[in-house]
Each structure stands twice: as C-alpha cells, then as structure tokens.
Amino acid sequence: MSEQRTRPVGFGIWLIVASVIGWWAAFQLTIDKFIQLENPDADLNCNVSVMIQCGKNLDSWQGEIFGFPNPIIGLTGWMAPLVVGVAVLAGTRFPRWFWAAFGAGMTFAIGFVGWLIWQSLYATNLGVLCPWCMLTWAITIPTFLATMVHLARNGTFSRSERFRERAGRLMVWVPLATILVYAVVIALIQLRGLDLLGEVVGMIV
C-alpha cells in the first residue's frame, strides 16, 4: 500500500484550510447575529446592497431552521474537518465506520448548503445573497467532493483494490468538478438575479 493512500497529506491540508475558512465565515455571521439581536435596525457590514446582504437571511426562519441560529452549526460543524485534517497529517488511521460517519456528516453539509442556496434564491421571503453564506458554500462544495473521492479510495465504499485505484485517480479532477458546480450555482444566481433586479426596479417605479 502506498504512502499516499495511508497518509493523504494533500487531503489533510485541505481539510484544515477549509475548516479554518468555514469557521471564520460562521464566526462572522455569529457576530452579525449578536449585533442584530441588540439592534434590529443596525447596518451590518455584510449588508452590501439590496440583493447582497446577510441581515435578511439571519432574521428569517431559514436562518434558524433547527431552532437556533445557523451559524452555530458552522462554528461546531467545521471543527470536525479540522480535527480529521490534523489527525490525517499526524498519520492517524481511522476505522472504516469513522470514515463512513464523516462522509455522512459531509453529505448532510452539502445537502444543507444546497437547500440554503435554493432558499436564498427562490424563497419569497428572501431573494438575497449572503456574502458569508456564499463563502461557506464555496468551501463546502470542494470539501464534500474531495471527501467522497477519499472515501472511495480508502476502502470505505468498497474494499475492491481495483475500485480504490480508479477512485484514487479522481482526486485530481476535484478542482474541475468544483468549478463546474460553481458554474451551475452562478448560472442560477444570474437567472434569479434578473428576476430580483426586475422586482427592485418595479418597486422603485
């Protein structure tokens, strides 16, 4: 078994970098939520324009879908990739069930992000883009893709040596796959952006 397979340094580094960025975005949203609670009329730094802001998202029911502010999920959730990334660099070997659980967590994360993207664009009470939320989306997408490829190559999905070898070749395609997903999200934003712009102009007129 190769060293790359037993100790995926690149994957570990990415988990650490992604978790730090994701945690920082969640932290900023948490601070903005505190400011909003103290002063509902406060002009948050993330409120760039009518269409790009986080205040409306934080104040919506989507912003606390589980009964508490969503940023708390980010503050706690991004700790998992950080710990796993550090452990991977340290040479820790996790059992198959652990990787399966980690993969389940990342699947929940990408599903939640997909739902938030849809809500931000198409929910009648939102229709705005949150800067810190978009940073979270941008980090979660490649982290999910890289994790799925890693689970395929480390034997979590299948113990077949042939399957694992083929999966190992897919990691170099994660950046391209990420760009393609970004393109889809940007296209949705552009299409929805035209509708939002029309609504804004209509309100002014």
N, C-alpha and C. Protein backbone atom coordinates (compact mmCIF):
# COMPACT_ATOMS: atom_id res chain seq x y z
N MET A 1 0.85 -1.20 0.00
CA MET A 1 0.00 0.00 0.00
C MET A 1 0.88 1.24 0.00
N SER A 2 0.56 2.19 -0.83
CA SER A 2 1.40 3.37 -1.00
C SER A 2 1.26 4.32 0.17
N GLU A 3 2.29 5.16 0.32
CA GLU A 3 2.27 6.17 1.39
C GLU A 3 1.14 7.16 1.19
N GLN A 4 0.87 7.50 -0.11
CA GLN A 4 -0.19 8.46 -0.39
C GLN A 4 -1.53 7.94 0.11
N ARG A 5 -1.74 6.61 -0.04
CA ARG A 5 -3.01 6.04 0.39
C ARG A 5 -3.10 5.98 1.90
N THR A 6 -1.99 5.64 2.58
CA THR A 6 -2.02 5.53 4.02
C THR A 6 -1.99 6.89 4.71
N ARG A 7 -1.43 7.87 4.04
CA ARG A 7 -1.32 9.20 4.65
C ARG A 7 -1.54 10.27 3.59
N PRO A 8 -2.80 10.57 3.27
CA PRO A 8 -3.14 11.54 2.23
C PRO A 8 -2.89 12.97 2.70
N VAL A 9 -1.67 13.42 2.54
CA VAL A 9 -1.26 14.74 3.05
C VAL A 9 -2.08 15.86 2.43
N GLY A 10 -2.25 15.82 1.11
CA GLY A 10 -3.00 16.89 0.45
C GLY A 10 -4.42 17.01 0.96
N PHE A 11 -5.07 15.89 1.15
CA PHE A 11 -6.44 15.89 1.67
C PHE A 11 -6.48 16.45 3.08
N GLY A 12 -5.51 16.06 3.91
CA GLY A 12 -5.46 16.56 5.28
C GLY A 12 -5.27 18.07 5.33
N ILE A 13 -4.36 18.58 4.49
CA ILE A 13 -4.11 20.02 4.45
C ILE A 13 -5.37 20.76 4.02
N TRP A 14 -6.05 20.22 2.99
CA TRP A 14 -7.26 20.89 2.52
C TRP A 14 -8.32 20.94 3.62
N LEU A 15 -8.50 19.86 4.36
CA LEU A 15 -9.50 19.85 5.43
C LEU A 15 -9.20 20.94 6.46
N ILE A 16 -7.94 21.13 6.77
CA ILE A 16 -7.56 22.16 7.74
C ILE A 16 -7.85 23.55 7.19
N VAL A 17 -7.42 23.80 5.96
CA VAL A 17 -7.64 25.11 5.34
C VAL A 17 -9.13 25.40 5.21
N ALA A 18 -9.89 24.42 4.73
CA ALA A 18 -11.33 24.61 4.53
C ALA A 18 -12.04 24.87 5.86
N SER A 19 -11.66 24.13 6.89
CA SER A 19 -12.32 24.29 8.19
C SER A 19 -12.04 25.66 8.79
N VAL A 20 -10.83 26.16 8.62
CA VAL A 20 -10.49 27.49 9.15
C VAL A 20 -11.31 28.56 8.44
N ILE A 21 -11.39 28.47 7.11
CA ILE A 21 -12.17 29.45 6.34
C ILE A 21 -13.65 29.35 6.68
N GLY A 22 -14.17 28.11 6.71
CA GLY A 22 -15.58 27.91 7.02
C GLY A 22 -15.93 28.38 8.41
N TRP A 23 -15.04 28.09 9.38
CA TRP A 23 -15.28 28.53 10.75
C TRP A 23 -15.28 30.05 10.85
N TRP A 24 -14.37 30.70 10.12
CA TRP A 24 -14.30 32.15 10.14
C TRP A 24 -15.57 32.78 9.59
N ALA A 25 -16.11 32.20 8.52
CA ALA A 25 -17.36 32.71 7.95
C ALA A 25 -18.49 32.55 8.96
N ALA A 26 -18.55 31.40 9.63
CA ALA A 26 -19.58 31.16 10.64
C ALA A 26 -19.42 32.12 11.82
N PHE A 27 -18.19 32.40 12.19
CA PHE A 27 -17.92 33.33 13.29
C PHE A 27 -18.40 34.73 12.95
N GLN A 28 -18.14 35.17 11.72
CA GLN A 28 -18.58 36.50 11.31
C GLN A 28 -20.10 36.59 11.31
N LEU A 29 -20.76 35.53 10.85
CA LEU A 29 -22.22 35.52 10.87
C LEU A 29 -22.76 35.54 12.30
N THR A 30 -22.07 34.86 13.19
CA THR A 30 -22.48 34.84 14.59
C THR A 30 -22.38 36.23 15.21
N ILE A 31 -21.30 36.93 14.92
CA ILE A 31 -21.14 38.30 15.41
C ILE A 31 -22.25 39.18 14.87
N ASP A 32 -22.54 39.04 13.57
CA ASP A 32 -23.61 39.85 12.96
C ASP A 32 -24.97 39.53 13.60
N LYS A 33 -25.17 38.28 13.95
CA LYS A 33 -26.43 37.89 14.59
C LYS A 33 -26.54 38.54 15.96
N PHE A 34 -25.45 38.58 16.72
CA PHE A 34 -25.45 39.25 18.02
C PHE A 34 -25.78 40.73 17.87
N ILE A 35 -25.15 41.36 16.87
CA ILE A 35 -25.42 42.79 16.62
C ILE A 35 -26.88 43.00 16.26
N GLN A 36 -27.40 42.12 15.45
CA GLN A 36 -28.80 42.23 15.02
C GLN A 36 -29.76 42.05 16.19
N LEU A 37 -29.42 41.15 17.10
CA LEU A 37 -30.27 40.94 18.27
C LEU A 37 -30.27 42.17 19.18
N GLU A 38 -29.12 42.82 19.32
CA GLU A 38 -29.02 44.01 20.16
C GLU A 38 -29.69 45.21 19.51
N ASN A 39 -29.57 45.28 18.18
CA ASN A 39 -30.15 46.41 17.45
C ASN A 39 -30.67 45.93 16.10
N PRO A 40 -31.97 45.61 16.01
CA PRO A 40 -32.55 45.09 14.77
C PRO A 40 -32.36 46.02 13.57
N ASP A 41 -32.17 47.31 13.83
CA ASP A 41 -32.00 48.28 12.75
C ASP A 41 -30.54 48.56 12.42
N ALA A 42 -29.63 47.81 13.00
CA ALA A 42 -28.20 48.03 12.78
C ALA A 42 -27.83 47.78 11.32
N ASP A 43 -26.91 48.57 10.82
CA ASP A 43 -26.42 48.40 9.45
C ASP A 43 -25.20 47.47 9.48
N LEU A 44 -25.44 46.22 9.21
CA LEU A 44 -24.38 45.21 9.29
C LEU A 44 -23.37 45.39 8.16
N ASN A 45 -22.11 45.05 8.45
CA ASN A 45 -21.06 45.17 7.43
C ASN A 45 -21.31 44.28 6.22
N CYS A 46 -22.05 43.19 6.44
CA CYS A 46 -22.31 42.26 5.34
C CYS A 46 -23.47 42.71 4.46
N ASN A 47 -24.15 43.78 4.86
CA ASN A 47 -25.25 44.30 4.04
C ASN A 47 -24.69 45.25 2.99
N VAL A 48 -24.30 44.68 1.86
CA VAL A 48 -23.66 45.45 0.81
C VAL A 48 -24.68 46.21 -0.04
N SER A 49 -25.77 45.55 -0.37
CA SER A 49 -26.80 46.17 -1.21
C SER A 49 -28.14 45.50 -0.93
N VAL A 50 -29.14 45.87 -1.72
CA VAL A 50 -30.47 45.27 -1.56
C VAL A 50 -30.42 43.77 -1.82
N MET A 51 -29.59 43.37 -2.78
CA MET A 51 -29.54 41.97 -3.19
C MET A 51 -28.43 41.18 -2.51
N ILE A 52 -27.44 41.86 -1.95
CA ILE A 52 -26.33 41.18 -1.29
C ILE A 52 -26.27 41.65 0.15
N GLN A 53 -26.73 40.79 1.05
CA GLN A 53 -26.77 41.13 2.47
C GLN A 53 -26.99 39.85 3.28
N CYS A 54 -26.68 39.92 4.56
CA CYS A 54 -26.90 38.76 5.42
C CYS A 54 -27.97 39.02 6.48
N GLY A 55 -28.31 40.30 6.68
CA GLY A 55 -29.29 40.64 7.70
C GLY A 55 -30.63 39.96 7.48
N LYS A 56 -31.08 39.96 6.24
CA LYS A 56 -32.38 39.37 5.92
C LYS A 56 -32.36 37.87 6.14
N ASN A 57 -31.25 37.24 5.78
CA ASN A 57 -31.12 35.79 5.97
C ASN A 57 -31.12 35.43 7.45
N LEU A 58 -30.35 36.19 8.24
CA LEU A 58 -30.25 35.91 9.67
C LEU A 58 -31.57 36.08 10.38
N ASP A 59 -32.40 36.98 9.87
CA ASP A 59 -33.67 37.30 10.53
C ASP A 59 -34.82 36.41 10.05
N SER A 60 -34.54 35.50 9.11
CA SER A 60 -35.58 34.65 8.54
C SER A 60 -35.70 33.33 9.30
N TRP A 61 -36.80 32.61 9.05
CA TRP A 61 -36.95 31.29 9.68
C TRP A 61 -35.94 30.31 9.12
N GLN A 62 -35.51 30.54 7.86
CA GLN A 62 -34.48 29.68 7.29
C GLN A 62 -33.15 29.84 8.00
N GLY A 63 -32.96 31.02 8.62
CA GLY A 63 -31.71 31.30 9.31
C GLY A 63 -31.58 30.60 10.64
N GLU A 64 -32.65 29.97 11.09
CA GLU A 64 -32.62 29.20 12.34
C GLU A 64 -33.56 28.00 12.20
N ILE A 65 -33.31 27.22 11.18
CA ILE A 65 -34.19 26.12 10.81
C ILE A 65 -34.30 25.06 11.89
N PHE A 66 -33.26 24.91 12.72
CA PHE A 66 -33.28 23.91 13.78
C PHE A 66 -33.61 24.50 15.15
N GLY A 67 -34.09 25.74 15.16
CA GLY A 67 -34.47 26.38 16.42
C GLY A 67 -33.39 27.26 17.02
N PHE A 68 -32.24 27.34 16.37
CA PHE A 68 -31.15 28.22 16.82
C PHE A 68 -30.45 28.73 15.57
N PRO A 69 -29.72 29.85 15.67
CA PRO A 69 -29.07 30.44 14.50
C PRO A 69 -28.17 29.45 13.76
N ASN A 70 -28.30 29.42 12.45
CA ASN A 70 -27.50 28.51 11.63
C ASN A 70 -25.99 28.65 11.82
N PRO A 71 -25.48 29.87 12.07
CA PRO A 71 -24.02 30.00 12.25
C PRO A 71 -23.46 29.10 13.34
N ILE A 72 -24.29 28.74 14.33
CA ILE A 72 -23.82 27.85 15.39
C ILE A 72 -23.47 26.48 14.81
N ILE A 73 -24.21 26.08 13.78
CA ILE A 73 -23.91 24.81 13.12
C ILE A 73 -22.52 24.88 12.50
N GLY A 74 -22.22 26.03 11.89
CA GLY A 74 -20.90 26.20 11.28
C GLY A 74 -19.78 26.22 12.32
N LEU A 75 -20.02 26.92 13.42
CA LEU A 75 -18.99 27.01 14.47
C LEU A 75 -18.63 25.64 15.02
N THR A 76 -19.62 24.79 15.16
CA THR A 76 -19.36 23.45 15.70
C THR A 76 -19.00 22.46 14.59
N GLY A 77 -19.72 22.54 13.48
CA GLY A 77 -19.53 21.57 12.41
C GLY A 77 -18.15 21.60 11.77
N TRP A 78 -17.58 22.79 11.60
CA TRP A 78 -16.27 22.89 10.96
C TRP A 78 -15.14 22.39 11.84
N MET A 79 -15.43 22.10 13.10
CA MET A 79 -14.41 21.54 13.96
C MET A 79 -14.07 20.11 13.56
N ALA A 80 -15.06 19.39 13.00
CA ALA A 80 -14.83 18.00 12.60
C ALA A 80 -13.77 17.89 11.50
N PRO A 81 -13.91 18.63 10.38
CA PRO A 81 -12.86 18.57 9.36
C PRO A 81 -11.49 19.02 9.88
N LEU A 82 -11.49 19.99 10.80
CA LEU A 82 -10.23 20.45 11.36
C LEU A 82 -9.53 19.33 12.12
N VAL A 83 -10.28 18.66 13.00
CA VAL A 83 -9.71 17.58 13.79
C VAL A 83 -9.25 16.43 12.89
N VAL A 84 -10.09 16.08 11.91
CA VAL A 84 -9.74 14.99 11.00
C VAL A 84 -8.51 15.35 10.17
N GLY A 85 -8.45 16.58 9.70
CA GLY A 85 -7.30 17.02 8.91
C GLY A 85 -6.00 16.95 9.69
N VAL A 86 -6.03 17.42 10.93
CA VAL A 86 -4.82 17.35 11.77
C VAL A 86 -4.44 15.91 12.05
N ALA A 87 -5.44 15.08 12.32
CA ALA A 87 -5.18 13.67 12.61
C ALA A 87 -4.60 12.96 11.39
N VAL A 88 -5.11 13.29 10.21
CA VAL A 88 -4.59 12.68 8.98
C VAL A 88 -3.13 13.04 8.78
N LEU A 89 -2.79 14.31 8.99
CA LEU A 89 -1.39 14.73 8.85
C LEU A 89 -0.50 14.07 9.90
N ALA A 90 -1.08 13.75 11.04
CA ALA A 90 -0.31 13.10 12.10
C ALA A 90 -0.15 11.60 11.86
N GLY A 91 -0.81 11.11 10.82
CA GLY A 91 -0.68 9.70 10.49
C GLY A 91 -1.69 8.80 11.16
N THR A 92 -2.74 9.37 11.73
CA THR A 92 -3.77 8.56 12.39
C THR A 92 -4.55 7.75 11.35
N ARG A 93 -4.80 6.50 11.67
CA ARG A 93 -5.60 5.64 10.80
C ARG A 93 -6.97 5.42 11.44
N PHE A 94 -7.99 5.95 10.80
CA PHE A 94 -9.34 5.80 11.33
C PHE A 94 -9.98 4.53 10.78
N PRO A 95 -10.84 3.90 11.57
CA PRO A 95 -11.55 2.71 11.10
C PRO A 95 -12.58 3.07 10.02
N ARG A 96 -13.04 2.07 9.35
CA ARG A 96 -13.98 2.29 8.24
C ARG A 96 -15.27 2.98 8.70
N TRP A 97 -15.77 2.61 9.88
CA TRP A 97 -17.01 3.20 10.38
C TRP A 97 -16.84 4.70 10.64
N PHE A 98 -15.64 5.10 11.06
CA PHE A 98 -15.39 6.52 11.33
C PHE A 98 -15.48 7.32 10.04
N TRP A 99 -14.83 6.80 8.98
CA TRP A 99 -14.88 7.50 7.70
C TRP A 99 -16.30 7.53 7.16
N ALA A 100 -17.05 6.47 7.39
CA ALA A 100 -18.44 6.45 6.95
C ALA A 100 -19.25 7.54 7.66
N ALA A 101 -19.01 7.70 8.96
CA ALA A 101 -19.69 8.73 9.73
C ALA A 101 -19.28 10.12 9.27
N PHE A 102 -17.99 10.29 8.98
CA PHE A 102 -17.51 11.59 8.49
C PHE A 102 -18.13 11.90 7.14
N GLY A 103 -18.22 10.88 6.29
CA GLY A 103 -18.85 11.07 4.99
C GLY A 103 -20.32 11.43 5.12
N ALA A 104 -21.00 10.82 6.09
CA ALA A 104 -22.40 11.14 6.33
C ALA A 104 -22.55 12.60 6.77
N GLY A 105 -21.62 13.04 7.60
CA GLY A 105 -21.64 14.43 8.04
C GLY A 105 -21.44 15.40 6.89
N MET A 106 -20.51 15.08 6.00
CA MET A 106 -20.27 15.94 4.84
C MET A 106 -21.44 15.90 3.87
N THR A 107 -22.12 14.75 3.78
CA THR A 107 -23.30 14.66 2.92
C THR A 107 -24.41 15.54 3.46
N PHE A 108 -24.57 15.54 4.79
CA PHE A 108 -25.55 16.45 5.40
C PHE A 108 -25.18 17.89 5.11
N ALA A 109 -23.89 18.21 5.20
CA ALA A 109 -23.43 19.59 4.99
C ALA A 109 -23.75 20.06 3.57
N ILE A 110 -23.45 19.22 2.57
CA ILE A 110 -23.69 19.64 1.19
C ILE A 110 -25.19 19.72 0.90
N GLY A 111 -25.96 18.82 1.53
CA GLY A 111 -27.41 18.88 1.36
C GLY A 111 -27.99 20.14 1.98
N PHE A 112 -27.48 20.50 3.15
CA PHE A 112 -27.94 21.70 3.84
C PHE A 112 -27.57 22.94 3.04
N VAL A 113 -26.35 22.95 2.50
CA VAL A 113 -25.90 24.08 1.69
C VAL A 113 -26.75 24.21 0.43
N GLY A 114 -27.04 23.07 -0.20
CA GLY A 114 -27.89 23.11 -1.39
C GLY A 114 -29.26 23.68 -1.09
N TRP A 115 -29.80 23.29 0.06
CA TRP A 115 -31.11 23.81 0.47
C TRP A 115 -31.04 25.31 0.74
N LEU A 116 -29.97 25.75 1.38
CA LEU A 116 -29.81 27.17 1.67
C LEU A 116 -29.66 27.99 0.39
N ILE A 117 -28.93 27.43 -0.58
CA ILE A 117 -28.78 28.12 -1.86
C ILE A 117 -30.14 28.30 -2.51
N TRP A 118 -30.92 27.24 -2.52
CA TRP A 118 -32.24 27.31 -3.13
C TRP A 118 -33.14 28.31 -2.40
N GLN A 119 -33.09 28.28 -1.08
CA GLN A 119 -33.90 29.21 -0.30
C GLN A 119 -33.48 30.65 -0.54
N SER A 120 -32.17 30.88 -0.60
CA SER A 120 -31.67 32.25 -0.81
C SER A 120 -32.14 32.81 -2.14
N LEU A 121 -32.23 31.95 -3.14
CA LEU A 121 -32.57 32.42 -4.48
C LEU A 121 -34.07 32.43 -4.75
N TYR A 122 -34.79 31.46 -4.22
CA TYR A 122 -36.17 31.29 -4.64
C TYR A 122 -37.23 31.42 -3.55
N ALA A 123 -36.85 31.50 -2.30
CA ALA A 123 -37.84 31.70 -1.25
C ALA A 123 -38.42 33.11 -1.35
N THR A 124 -39.72 33.23 -1.25
CA THR A 124 -40.37 34.52 -1.43
C THR A 124 -39.98 35.53 -0.34
N ASN A 125 -39.59 35.03 0.83
CA ASN A 125 -39.24 35.95 1.91
C ASN A 125 -37.75 36.30 1.92
N LEU A 126 -36.97 35.75 0.99
CA LEU A 126 -35.54 36.04 0.95
C LEU A 126 -35.16 36.70 -0.37
N GLY A 127 -34.67 35.93 -1.32
CA GLY A 127 -34.28 36.52 -2.60
C GLY A 127 -33.05 37.40 -2.50
N VAL A 128 -32.15 37.08 -1.55
CA VAL A 128 -30.91 37.84 -1.41
C VAL A 128 -29.74 36.88 -1.25
N LEU A 129 -28.55 37.40 -1.45
CA LEU A 129 -27.34 36.59 -1.31
C LEU A 129 -26.53 37.09 -0.12
N CYS A 130 -26.18 36.16 0.76
CA CYS A 130 -25.41 36.50 1.95
C CYS A 130 -23.92 36.27 1.68
N PRO A 131 -23.08 37.29 1.80
CA PRO A 131 -21.64 37.15 1.49
C PRO A 131 -20.96 36.03 2.27
N TRP A 132 -21.17 35.98 3.58
CA TRP A 132 -20.53 34.95 4.39
C TRP A 132 -21.10 33.57 4.09
N CYS A 133 -22.39 33.54 3.75
CA CYS A 133 -23.02 32.27 3.38
C CYS A 133 -22.40 31.75 2.08
N MET A 134 -22.18 32.64 1.13
CA MET A 134 -21.60 32.23 -0.15
C MET A 134 -20.18 31.71 0.03
N LEU A 135 -19.44 32.29 0.99
CA LEU A 135 -18.10 31.78 1.27
C LEU A 135 -18.20 30.36 1.83
N THR A 136 -19.19 30.13 2.67
CA THR A 136 -19.41 28.78 3.21
C THR A 136 -19.76 27.81 2.10
N TRP A 137 -20.63 28.24 1.18
CA TRP A 137 -20.98 27.37 0.04
C TRP A 137 -19.72 27.01 -0.74
N ALA A 138 -18.92 28.03 -1.00
CA ALA A 138 -17.73 27.85 -1.84
C ALA A 138 -16.73 26.87 -1.22
N ILE A 139 -16.69 26.81 0.10
CA ILE A 139 -15.75 25.91 0.77
C ILE A 139 -16.34 24.51 0.94
N THR A 140 -17.63 24.44 1.20
CA THR A 140 -18.27 23.15 1.44
C THR A 140 -18.27 22.28 0.19
N ILE A 141 -18.49 22.88 -0.97
CA ILE A 141 -18.59 22.10 -2.21
C ILE A 141 -17.33 21.29 -2.49
N PRO A 142 -16.14 21.90 -2.57
CA PRO A 142 -14.94 21.09 -2.83
C PRO A 142 -14.59 20.15 -1.68
N THR A 143 -14.93 20.54 -0.45
CA THR A 143 -14.65 19.66 0.69
C THR A 143 -15.47 18.39 0.59
N PHE A 144 -16.72 18.52 0.20
CA PHE A 144 -17.58 17.35 0.02
C PHE A 144 -17.05 16.46 -1.10
N LEU A 145 -16.71 17.07 -2.23
CA LEU A 145 -16.22 16.29 -3.37
C LEU A 145 -14.93 15.56 -3.03
N ALA A 146 -14.00 16.26 -2.39
CA ALA A 146 -12.72 15.64 -2.01
C ALA A 146 -12.94 14.52 -1.00
N THR A 147 -13.87 14.72 -0.08
CA THR A 147 -14.15 13.69 0.92
C THR A 147 -14.72 12.43 0.28
N MET A 148 -15.65 12.60 -0.66
CA MET A 148 -16.24 11.44 -1.33
C MET A 148 -15.19 10.65 -2.11
N VAL A 149 -14.30 11.37 -2.78
CA VAL A 149 -13.24 10.68 -3.52
C VAL A 149 -12.32 9.95 -2.55
N HIS A 150 -12.00 10.59 -1.43
CA HIS A 150 -11.12 9.95 -0.45
C HIS A 150 -11.77 8.70 0.13
N LEU A 151 -13.06 8.76 0.40
CA LEU A 151 -13.75 7.59 0.95
C LEU A 151 -13.78 6.45 -0.07
N ALA A 152 -13.82 6.82 -1.33
CA ALA A 152 -13.81 5.80 -2.38
C ALA A 152 -12.45 5.14 -2.49
N ARG A 153 -11.39 5.93 -2.32
CA ARG A 153 -10.04 5.39 -2.50
C ARG A 153 -9.48 4.73 -1.24
N ASN A 154 -10.05 5.04 -0.06
CA ASN A 154 -9.50 4.44 1.17
C ASN A 154 -10.24 3.18 1.60
N GLY A 155 -11.22 2.76 0.79
CA GLY A 155 -11.90 1.50 1.08
C GLY A 155 -13.18 1.62 1.87
N THR A 156 -13.66 2.83 2.12
CA THR A 156 -14.90 2.99 2.87
C THR A 156 -16.10 2.51 2.05
N PHE A 157 -16.12 2.84 0.76
CA PHE A 157 -17.22 2.43 -0.11
C PHE A 157 -17.08 0.99 -0.58
N SER A 158 -15.88 0.59 -0.89
CA SER A 158 -15.63 -0.75 -1.40
C SER A 158 -14.20 -1.16 -1.07
N ARG A 159 -14.01 -2.42 -0.75
CA ARG A 159 -12.67 -2.93 -0.46
C ARG A 159 -11.96 -3.42 -1.72
N SER A 160 -12.64 -3.33 -2.84
CA SER A 160 -12.03 -3.77 -4.10
C SER A 160 -10.80 -2.94 -4.42
N GLU A 161 -9.67 -3.59 -4.62
CA GLU A 161 -8.43 -2.89 -4.92
C GLU A 161 -8.54 -2.12 -6.23
N ARG A 162 -9.19 -2.72 -7.20
CA ARG A 162 -9.35 -2.07 -8.50
C ARG A 162 -10.20 -0.80 -8.37
N PHE A 163 -11.28 -0.90 -7.61
CA PHE A 163 -12.15 0.26 -7.39
C PHE A 163 -11.39 1.37 -6.70
N ARG A 164 -10.58 1.03 -5.71
CA ARG A 164 -9.84 2.03 -4.95
C ARG A 164 -8.78 2.71 -5.81
N GLU A 165 -8.13 1.94 -6.65
CA GLU A 165 -7.12 2.52 -7.53
C GLU A 165 -7.73 3.50 -8.52
N ARG A 166 -8.87 3.11 -9.08
CA ARG A 166 -9.55 4.01 -10.01
C ARG A 166 -10.04 5.27 -9.30
N ALA A 167 -10.56 5.11 -8.11
CA ALA A 167 -11.04 6.26 -7.33
C ALA A 167 -9.90 7.21 -7.01
N GLY A 168 -8.71 6.63 -6.76
CA GLY A 168 -7.56 7.47 -6.43
C GLY A 168 -7.19 8.41 -7.54
N ARG A 169 -7.49 8.04 -8.78
CA ARG A 169 -7.16 8.90 -9.92
C ARG A 169 -8.15 10.08 -10.06
N LEU A 170 -9.25 10.00 -9.34
CA LEU A 170 -10.27 11.04 -9.47
C LEU A 170 -9.96 12.30 -8.68
N MET A 171 -9.06 12.20 -7.70
CA MET A 171 -8.80 13.35 -6.84
C MET A 171 -8.29 14.55 -7.64
N VAL A 172 -7.53 14.32 -8.70
CA VAL A 172 -7.01 15.43 -9.49
C VAL A 172 -8.12 16.15 -10.25
N TRP A 173 -9.28 15.51 -10.36
CA TRP A 173 -10.41 16.12 -11.07
C TRP A 173 -11.34 16.89 -10.14
N VAL A 174 -11.07 16.86 -8.85
CA VAL A 174 -11.93 17.58 -7.90
C VAL A 174 -11.97 19.08 -8.19
N PRO A 175 -10.84 19.74 -8.48
CA PRO A 175 -10.91 21.18 -8.80
C PRO A 175 -11.83 21.48 -9.99
N LEU A 176 -11.73 20.65 -11.05
CA LEU A 176 -12.58 20.87 -12.22
C LEU A 176 -14.04 20.64 -11.87
N ALA A 177 -14.32 19.58 -11.11
CA ALA A 177 -15.70 19.31 -10.71
C ALA A 177 -16.24 20.46 -9.87
N THR A 178 -15.38 21.01 -9.02
CA THR A 178 -15.78 22.15 -8.19
C THR A 178 -16.14 23.35 -9.05
N ILE A 179 -15.33 23.61 -10.06
CA ILE A 179 -15.59 24.74 -10.96
C ILE A 179 -16.92 24.55 -11.69
N LEU A 180 -17.20 23.31 -12.10
CA LEU A 180 -18.46 23.04 -12.78
C LEU A 180 -19.65 23.29 -11.87
N VAL A 181 -19.53 22.88 -10.60
CA VAL A 181 -20.61 23.13 -9.64
C VAL A 181 -20.76 24.62 -9.40
N TYR A 182 -19.63 25.32 -9.29
CA TYR A 182 -19.68 26.78 -9.14
C TYR A 182 -20.43 27.40 -10.32
N ALA A 183 -20.14 26.90 -11.51
CA ALA A 183 -20.76 27.45 -12.73
C ALA A 183 -22.28 27.30 -12.67
N VAL A 184 -22.74 26.15 -12.18
CA VAL A 184 -24.18 25.92 -12.07
C VAL A 184 -24.79 26.90 -11.07
N VAL A 185 -24.14 27.06 -9.92
CA VAL A 185 -24.65 27.98 -8.90
C VAL A 185 -24.66 29.42 -9.43
N ILE A 186 -23.59 29.81 -10.11
CA ILE A 186 -23.51 31.17 -10.66
C ILE A 186 -24.60 31.38 -11.70
N ALA A 187 -24.86 30.35 -12.51
CA ALA A 187 -25.91 30.45 -13.52
C ALA A 187 -27.27 30.65 -12.86
N LEU A 188 -27.52 29.91 -11.77
CA LEU A 188 -28.78 30.06 -11.04
C LEU A 188 -28.89 31.47 -10.45
N ILE A 189 -27.77 31.97 -9.94
CA ILE A 189 -27.77 33.32 -9.37
C ILE A 189 -28.05 34.36 -10.44
N GLN A 190 -27.42 34.18 -11.60
CA GLN A 190 -27.63 35.13 -12.69
C GLN A 190 -29.08 35.12 -13.16
N LEU A 191 -29.63 33.92 -13.33
CA LEU A 191 -31.02 33.82 -13.77
C LEU A 191 -31.97 34.42 -12.74
N ARG A 192 -31.73 34.10 -11.50
CA ARG A 192 -32.57 34.65 -10.44
C ARG A 192 -32.28 36.13 -10.24
N GLY A 193 -31.06 36.53 -10.48
CA GLY A 193 -30.68 37.93 -10.33
C GLY A 193 -31.45 38.83 -11.25
N LEU A 194 -31.74 38.35 -12.45
CA LEU A 194 -32.52 39.15 -13.39
C LEU A 194 -33.92 39.39 -12.85
N ASP A 195 -34.51 38.35 -12.24
CA ASP A 195 -35.83 38.49 -11.66
C ASP A 195 -35.80 39.45 -10.47
N LEU A 196 -34.77 39.32 -9.65
CA LEU A 196 -34.67 40.19 -8.49
C LEU A 196 -34.48 41.65 -8.91
N LEU A 197 -33.65 41.85 -9.94
CA LEU A 197 -33.43 43.21 -10.41
C LEU A 197 -34.73 43.81 -10.93
N GLY A 198 -35.53 43.01 -11.64
CA GLY A 198 -36.81 43.48 -12.13
C GLY A 198 -37.75 43.83 -11.00
N GLU A 199 -37.72 43.03 -9.92
CA GLU A 199 -38.57 43.30 -8.77
C GLU A 199 -38.15 44.60 -8.09
N VAL A 200 -36.85 44.82 -7.97
CA VAL A 200 -36.36 46.04 -7.35
C VAL A 200 -36.74 47.27 -8.15
N VAL A 201 -36.57 47.19 -9.49
CA VAL A 201 -36.93 48.31 -10.37
C VAL A 201 -38.43 48.57 -10.29
N GLY A 202 -39.21 47.48 -10.24
CA GLY A 202 -40.66 47.62 -10.16
C GLY A 202 -41.08 48.32 -8.88
N MET A 203 -40.40 48.02 -7.78
CA MET A 203 -40.71 48.66 -6.51
C MET A 203 -40.40 50.15 -6.56
N ILE A 204 -39.28 50.48 -7.22
CA ILE A 204 -38.88 51.89 -7.31
C ILE A 204 -39.85 52.68 -8.18
N VAL A 205 -40.21 52.07 -9.33
CA VAL A 205 -41.14 52.74 -10.26
C VAL A 205 -42.54 52.83 -9.64
